[in-house]
Protein backbone atom coordinates (compact mmCIF):
# COMPACT_ATOMS: atom_id res chain seq x y z
CA MET A 1 -10.83 -0.59 -1.27
CA ALA A 2 -7.22 -1.26 -2.87
CA THR A 3 -7.06 -4.16 0.29
CA ILE A 4 -10.08 -5.65 -0.52
CA ALA A 5 -8.64 -5.59 -4.28
CA VAL A 6 -5.21 -6.85 -3.45
CA LEU A 7 -6.88 -9.96 -1.69
CA THR A 8 -9.67 -10.30 -4.08
CA ALA A 9 -7.15 -10.45 -6.70
CA GLY A 10 -4.78 -12.65 -4.54
CA ALA A 11 -7.55 -15.22 -4.17
CA PHE A 12 -8.44 -15.19 -7.72
CA LEU A 13 -4.52 -16.03 -8.67
CA GLU A 14 -4.08 -18.06 -6.54
CA LEU A 15 -1.32 -16.75 -4.89
CA THR A 16 1.80 -18.42 -2.46
CA LEU A 17 2.18 -18.73 0.93
CA ASN A 18 5.26 -16.61 0.60
CA GLU A 19 3.55 -14.18 -1.94
CA TRP A 20 0.66 -13.81 1.18
CA CYS A 21 3.03 -13.27 3.61
CA LEU A 22 4.65 -9.96 1.61
CA ILE A 23 1.35 -8.69 0.54
CA THR A 24 -0.10 -8.88 4.34
CA LEU A 25 3.47 -7.40 5.56
CA CYS A 26 3.12 -4.30 2.97
CA ILE A 27 -0.88 -4.49 3.98
CA THR A 28 -0.23 -4.07 7.69
CA PHE A 29 3.36 -1.65 6.63
CA VAL A 30 0.72 0.69 5.19
CA PHE A 31 -2.24 0.87 7.27
CA SER A 32 0.12 1.44 10.40
CA ALA A 33 2.05 4.27 8.73
CA GLU A 34 -1.42 5.99 8.35
CA ALA A 35 -1.98 4.76 11.78
CA VAL A 36 1.47 7.04 12.86
CA ASN A 37 0.52 9.61 10.15
CA THR A 38 -2.82 10.35 12.06
CA ALA A 39 -1.36 10.16 15.84
CA ILE A 40 1.54 12.51 14.57
CA GLU A 41 -1.81 14.85 12.98
CA TYR A 42 -3.68 14.69 16.35
CA LEU A 43 -0.44 15.08 18.38
CA THR A 44 0.42 18.44 16.25
CA ASP A 45 -3.30 19.60 16.70
CA LEU A 46 -3.43 19.14 20.72
CA ILE A 47 0.53 21.00 21.05
CA SER A 48 0.43 23.49 18.01
CA PRO A 49 -3.39 24.18 17.92
CA ASP A 50 -2.60 27.68 16.10
CA TYR A 51 -0.87 27.69 12.28
CA HIS A 52 2.97 27.48 13.35
CA PRO A 53 5.57 26.06 10.29
CA LEU A 54 7.21 23.29 11.93
CA ALA A 55 3.88 21.83 13.06
CA GLY A 56 3.01 22.18 9.07
CA LYS A 57 6.84 20.29 8.70
CA ALA A 58 5.52 17.84 10.65
CA LYS A 59 2.57 16.56 9.13
CA ASP A 60 3.64 16.93 5.38
CA VAL A 61 6.75 14.34 6.73
CA ALA A 62 4.49 12.15 8.24
CA ALA A 63 1.98 12.20 5.20
CA ALA A 64 5.12 11.52 3.52
CA ALA A 65 5.87 8.80 5.09
CA VAL A 66 2.03 7.01 4.42
CA LEU A 67 3.56 7.78 0.71
CA LEU A 68 6.91 6.35 0.92
CA ALA A 69 4.83 2.98 2.70
CA ALA A 70 2.25 2.85 0.13
CA ILE A 71 4.58 3.49 -2.97
CA GLY A 72 6.63 -0.22 -1.85
CA ALA A 73 3.26 -1.80 -1.29
CA THR A 74 2.89 -0.78 -4.94
CA ILE A 75 6.07 -2.25 -6.36
CA VAL A 76 5.89 -5.37 -3.88
CA GLY A 77 2.51 -6.13 -5.83
CA LEU A 78 3.43 -5.45 -9.34
CA ILE A 79 5.80 -8.00 -8.54
CA ILE A 80 3.54 -10.35 -7.81
CA PHE A 81 1.19 -9.75 -9.96
CA LEU A 82 2.26 -8.59 -13.41
CA PRO A 83 3.80 -11.98 -14.46
CA LYS A 84 0.41 -13.98 -13.08
CA ILE A 85 -2.01 -11.21 -15.39
CA TRP A 86 1.02 -11.51 -17.98
CA THR A 87 0.77 -15.45 -18.21
CA ILE A 88 -3.00 -14.61 -17.95
CA LEU A 89 -2.94 -12.43 -21.08
CA ASN A 90 -0.84 -14.49 -22.81
CA PHE A 91 -2.99 -17.99 -22.84
CA VAL A 92 -5.90 -15.56 -23.46
CA LEU A 93 -4.40 -14.28 -26.55
CA ILE A 94 -3.27 -18.08 -27.46
CA LEU A 95 -6.66 -19.08 -27.75
CA ASP A 96 -7.88 -16.08 -29.78
CA THR A 97 -5.45 -16.90 -32.33
């Protein structure tokens, strides 16, 4: 859902080629981190079907990697989108006065 929202907002706000490249890299990085996380979870479940503290830690670290990727992507998105949204809001506010 977030990817669709970002792509829609990017089209609406007419991102530059460089901005599209950064957005694409961020989306790809988050999806890749999620795929690695899923692979680690499946492998951990295969190797250690019963609970083991180290298996839990491996899953936690893999999930943390996804969280870090998502936080990084959010920061890049804010850097790209906030100035554009701010410009639109200022324009709307100027028209209202």
